[in-house]
């Protein structure tokens, strides 16, 4: 079981579905629940201001 976070107000770049993106922070993955497209999410490290 993975903990996923709903990404409110964002649109899928592939299918255009609104409010269908989910972030899985353990795997670093964003997934569209409408079309199944997924993308890796890379955090910025060392960019302190």
PDB file of N, CA and C in Angstrom:
ATOM      1  N   UNK A   1       0.851  -1.181   0.000  1.00  0.00           N
ATOM      2  CA  UNK A   1       0.000   0.000   0.000  1.00  0.00           C
ATOM      3  C   UNK A   1       0.893   1.239   0.000  1.00  0.00           C
ATOM      4  N   UNK A   2       0.615   2.171  -0.893  1.00  0.00           N
ATOM      5  CA  UNK A   2       1.385   3.413  -0.943  1.00  0.00           C
ATOM      6  C   UNK A   2       0.492   4.589  -0.583  1.00  0.00           C
ATOM      7  N   UNK A   3       1.104   5.590   0.000  1.00  0.00           N
ATOM      8  CA  UNK A   3       0.406   6.819   0.359  1.00  0.00           C
ATOM      9  C   UNK A   3       0.530   7.780  -0.817  1.00  0.00           C
ATOM     10  N   UNK A   4      -0.588   8.172  -1.414  1.00  0.00           N
ATOM     11  CA  UNK A   4      -0.582   9.077  -2.553  1.00  0.00           C
ATOM     12  C   UNK A   4      -1.303  10.368  -2.185  1.00  0.00           C
ATOM     13  N   UNK A   5      -0.873  11.464  -2.775  1.00  0.00           N
ATOM     14  CA  UNK A   5      -1.466  12.774  -2.521  1.00  0.00           C
ATOM     15  C   UNK A   5      -2.117  13.293  -3.801  1.00  0.00           C
ATOM     16  N   UNK A   6      -3.348  13.740  -3.680  1.00  0.00           N
ATOM     17  CA  UNK A   6      -4.096  14.330  -4.786  1.00  0.00           C
ATOM     18  C   UNK A   6      -3.534  15.717  -5.077  1.00  0.00           C
ATOM     19  N   UNK A   7      -3.242  16.003  -6.349  1.00  0.00           N
ATOM     20  CA  UNK A   7      -2.705  17.310  -6.751  1.00  0.00           C
ATOM     21  C   UNK A   7      -3.847  18.143  -7.316  1.00  0.00           C
ATOM     22  N   UNK A   8      -4.431  18.980  -6.489  1.00  0.00           N
ATOM     23  CA  UNK A   8      -5.601  19.782  -6.825  1.00  0.00           C
ATOM     24  C   UNK A   8      -5.245  20.934  -7.759  1.00  0.00           C
ATOM     25  N   UNK A   9      -6.051  21.137  -8.790  1.00  0.00           N
ATOM     26  CA  UNK A   9      -5.912  22.279  -9.680  1.00  0.00           C
ATOM     27  C   UNK A   9      -4.909  22.088 -10.808  1.00  0.00           C
ATOM     28  N   UNK A  10      -4.343  20.891 -10.948  1.00  0.00           N
ATOM     29  CA  UNK A  10      -3.375  20.638 -12.018  1.00  0.00           C
ATOM     30  C   UNK A  10      -4.011  19.802 -13.112  1.00  0.00           C
ATOM     31  N   UNK A  11      -3.536  20.014 -14.338  1.00  0.00           N
ATOM     32  CA  UNK A  11      -4.085  19.346 -15.517  1.00  0.00           C
ATOM     33  C   UNK A  11      -3.027  18.427 -16.130  1.00  0.00           C
ATOM     34  N   UNK A  12      -3.439  17.254 -16.595  1.00  0.00           N
ATOM     35  CA  UNK A  12      -2.538  16.307 -17.262  1.00  0.00           C
ATOM     36  C   UNK A  12      -2.107  16.878 -18.607  1.00  0.00           C
ATOM     37  N   UNK A  13      -0.809  16.840 -18.884  1.00  0.00           N
ATOM     38  CA  UNK A  13      -0.284  17.365 -20.146  1.00  0.00           C
ATOM     39  C   UNK A  13      -0.647  16.473 -21.332  1.00  0.00           C
ATOM     40  N   UNK A  14      -0.924  15.210 -21.097  1.00  0.00           N
ATOM     41  CA  UNK A  14      -1.235  14.284 -22.201  1.00  0.00           C
ATOM     42  C   UNK A  14      -2.707  14.303 -22.593  1.00  0.00           C
ATOM     43  N   UNK A  15      -3.589  14.094 -21.601  1.00  0.00           N
ATOM     44  CA  UNK A  15      -5.014  13.980 -21.926  1.00  0.00           C
ATOM     45  C   UNK A  15      -5.822  15.228 -21.576  1.00  0.00           C
ATOM     46  N   UNK A  16      -5.234  16.142 -20.789  1.00  0.00           N
ATOM     47  CA  UNK A  16      -5.911  17.388 -20.445  1.00  0.00           C
ATOM     48  C   UNK A  16      -6.896  17.271 -19.293  1.00  0.00           C
ATOM     49  N   UNK A  17      -6.953  16.125 -18.635  1.00  0.00           N
ATOM     50  CA  UNK A  17      -7.896  15.937 -17.516  1.00  0.00           C
ATOM     51  C   UNK A  17      -7.495  16.819 -16.334  1.00  0.00           C
ATOM     52  N   UNK A  18      -8.473  17.485 -15.763  1.00  0.00           N
ATOM     53  CA  UNK A  18      -8.255  18.369 -14.624  1.00  0.00           C
ATOM     54  C   UNK A  18      -8.493  17.604 -13.328  1.00  0.00           C
ATOM     55  N   UNK A  19      -7.633  17.832 -12.336  1.00  0.00           N
ATOM     56  CA  UNK A  19      -7.748  17.229 -11.000  1.00  0.00           C
ATOM     57  C   UNK A  19      -7.690  15.702 -11.019  1.00  0.00           C
ATOM     58  N   UNK A  20      -6.876  15.132 -11.897  1.00  0.00           N
ATOM     59  CA  UNK A  20      -6.726  13.676 -11.956  1.00  0.00           C
ATOM     60  C   UNK A  20      -5.289  13.237 -11.669  1.00  0.00           C
ATOM     61  N   UNK A  21      -4.428  14.155 -11.228  1.00  0.00           N
ATOM     62  CA  UNK A  21      -3.035  13.819 -10.967  1.00  0.00           C
ATOM     63  C   UNK A  21      -2.829  13.455  -9.499  1.00  0.00           C
ATOM     64  N   UNK A  22      -2.022  12.429  -9.282  1.00  0.00           N
ATOM     65  CA  UNK A  22      -1.700  11.943  -7.945  1.00  0.00           C
ATOM     66  C   UNK A  22      -0.193  11.859  -7.806  1.00  0.00           C
ATOM     67  N   UNK A  23       0.318  12.238  -6.658  1.00  0.00           N
ATOM     68  CA  UNK A  23       1.750  12.181  -6.358  1.00  0.00           C
ATOM     69  C   UNK A  23       2.006  11.041  -5.381  1.00  0.00           C
ATOM     70  N   UNK A  24       2.925  10.174  -5.746  1.00  0.00           N
ATOM     71  CA  UNK A  24       3.393   9.119  -4.849  1.00  0.00           C
ATOM     72  C   UNK A  24       4.787   9.540  -4.382  1.00  0.00           C
ATOM     73  N   UNK A  25       4.900  10.132  -3.181  1.00  0.00           N
ATOM     74  CA  UNK A  25       6.182  10.683  -2.737  1.00  0.00           C
ATOM     75  C   UNK A  25       7.237   9.615  -2.446  1.00  0.00           C
ATOM     76  N   UNK A  26       6.834   8.398  -2.131  1.00  0.00           N
ATOM     77  CA  UNK A  26       7.803   7.340  -1.856  1.00  0.00           C
ATOM     78  C   UNK A  26       8.532   6.898  -3.114  1.00  0.00           C
ATOM     79  N   UNK A  27       7.824   6.839  -4.232  1.00  0.00           N
ATOM     80  CA  UNK A  27       8.435   6.450  -5.506  1.00  0.00           C
ATOM     81  C   UNK A  27       8.860   7.656  -6.336  1.00  0.00           C
ATOM     82  N   UNK A  28       8.467   8.871  -5.931  1.00  0.00           N
ATOM     83  CA  UNK A  28       8.786  10.067  -6.701  1.00  0.00           C
ATOM     84  C   UNK A  28       8.088  10.073  -8.046  1.00  0.00           C
ATOM     85  N   UNK A  29       6.817   9.701  -8.045  1.00  0.00           N
ATOM     86  CA  UNK A  29       6.074   9.503  -9.275  1.00  0.00           C
ATOM     87  C   UNK A  29       4.774  10.298  -9.253  1.00  0.00           C
ATOM     88  N   UNK A  30       4.469  10.957 -10.367  1.00  0.00           N
ATOM     89  CA  UNK A  30       3.176  11.629 -10.555  1.00  0.00           C
ATOM     90  C   UNK A  30       2.433  10.836 -11.622  1.00  0.00           C
ATOM     91  N   UNK A  31       1.166  10.498 -11.336  1.00  0.00           N
ATOM     92  CA  UNK A  31       0.398   9.665 -12.247  1.00  0.00           C
ATOM     93  C   UNK A  31      -0.971  10.272 -12.515  1.00  0.00           C
ATOM     94  N   UNK A  32      -1.410  10.196 -13.774  1.00  0.00           N
ATOM     95  CA  UNK A  32      -2.755  10.623 -14.158  1.00  0.00           C
ATOM     96  C   UNK A  32      -3.684   9.419 -14.029  1.00  0.00           C
ATOM     97  N   UNK A  33      -4.746   9.562 -13.241  1.00  0.00           N
ATOM     98  CA  UNK A  33      -5.692   8.464 -13.040  1.00  0.00           C
ATOM     99  C   UNK A  33      -6.664   8.322 -14.212  1.00  0.00           C
ATOM    100  N   UNK A  34      -6.665   9.282 -15.113  1.00  0.00           N
ATOM    101  CA  UNK A  34      -7.555   9.227 -16.277  1.00  0.00           C
ATOM    102  C   UNK A  34      -6.922   8.429 -17.421  1.00  0.00           C
ATOM    103  N   UNK A  35      -5.687   8.772 -17.808  1.00  0.00           N
ATOM    104  CA  UNK A  35      -5.055   8.124 -18.961  1.00  0.00           C
ATOM    105  C   UNK A  35      -3.920   7.177 -18.589  1.00  0.00           C
ATOM    106  N   UNK A  36      -3.448   7.234 -17.329  1.00  0.00           N
ATOM    107  CA  UNK A  36      -2.390   6.330 -16.894  1.00  0.00           C
ATOM    108  C   UNK A  36      -0.983   6.829 -17.135  1.00  0.00           C
ATOM    109  N   UNK A  37      -0.831   7.994 -17.728  1.00  0.00           N
ATOM    110  CA  UNK A  37       0.505   8.561 -17.970  1.00  0.00           C
ATOM    111  C   UNK A  37       1.188   8.827 -16.633  1.00  0.00           C
ATOM    112  N   UNK A  38       2.493   8.570 -16.568  1.00  0.00           N
ATOM    113  CA  UNK A  38       3.231   8.827 -15.335  1.00  0.00           C
ATOM    114  C   UNK A  38       4.525   9.560 -15.652  1.00  0.00           C
ATOM    115  N   UNK A  39       5.041  10.250 -14.642  1.00  0.00           N
ATOM    116  CA  UNK A  39       6.283  11.012 -14.791  1.00  0.00           C
ATOM    117  C   UNK A  39       7.028  10.978 -13.462  1.00  0.00           C
ATOM    118  N   UNK A  40       8.355  10.999 -13.539  1.00  0.00           N
ATOM    119  CA  UNK A  40       9.173  11.057 -12.339  1.00  0.00           C
ATOM    120  C   UNK A  40       9.260  12.489 -11.849  1.00  0.00           C
ATOM    121  N   UNK A  41       9.245  12.662 -10.546  1.00  0.00           N
ATOM    122  CA  UNK A  41       9.356  13.986  -9.929  1.00  0.00           C
ATOM    123  C   UNK A  41      10.688  14.058  -9.197  1.00  0.00           C
ATOM    124  N   UNK A  42      11.517  15.042  -9.544  1.00  0.00           N
ATOM    125  CA  UNK A  42      12.819  15.214  -8.926  1.00  0.00           C
ATOM    126  C   UNK A  42      12.821  16.466  -8.060  1.00  0.00           C
ATOM    127  N   UNK A  43      13.081  16.337  -6.772  1.00  0.00           N
ATOM    128  CA  UNK A  43      13.148  17.526  -5.911  1.00  0.00           C
ATOM    129  C   UNK A  43      14.452  18.284  -6.127  1.00  0.00           C
ATOM    130  N   UNK A  44      14.403  19.580  -5.934  1.00  0.00           N
ATOM    131  CA  UNK A  44      15.615  20.395  -6.008  1.00  0.00           C
ATOM    132  C   UNK A  44      16.363  20.271  -4.690  1.00  0.00           C
ATOM    133  N   UNK A  45      17.620  19.883  -4.769  1.00  0.00           N
ATOM    134  CA  UNK A  45      18.433  19.695  -3.572  1.00  0.00           C
ATOM    135  C   UNK A  45      19.566  20.709  -3.596  1.00  0.00           C
ATOM    136  N   UNK A  46      19.756  21.388  -2.457  1.00  0.00           N
ATOM    137  CA  UNK A  46      20.859  22.336  -2.362  1.00  0.00           C
ATOM    138  C   UNK A  46      20.563  23.700  -2.940  1.00  0.00           C
ATOM    139  N   UNK A  47      19.304  24.044  -3.131  1.00  0.00           N
ATOM    140  CA  UNK A  47      18.924  25.340  -3.681  1.00  0.00           C
ATOM    141  C   UNK A  47      18.392  26.251  -2.587  1.00  0.00           C
ATOM    142  N   UNK A  48      19.072  26.312  -1.466  1.00  0.00           N
ATOM    143  CA  UNK A  48      18.630  27.169  -0.360  1.00  0.00           C
ATOM    144  C   UNK A  48      18.877  28.636  -0.686  1.00  0.00           C
ATOM    145  N   UNK A  49      17.941  29.481  -0.257  1.00  0.00           N
ATOM    146  CA  UNK A  49      18.077  30.918  -0.526  1.00  0.00           C
ATOM    147  C   UNK A  49      18.056  31.693   0.752  1.00  0.00           C
TER     148      UNK A  49
END
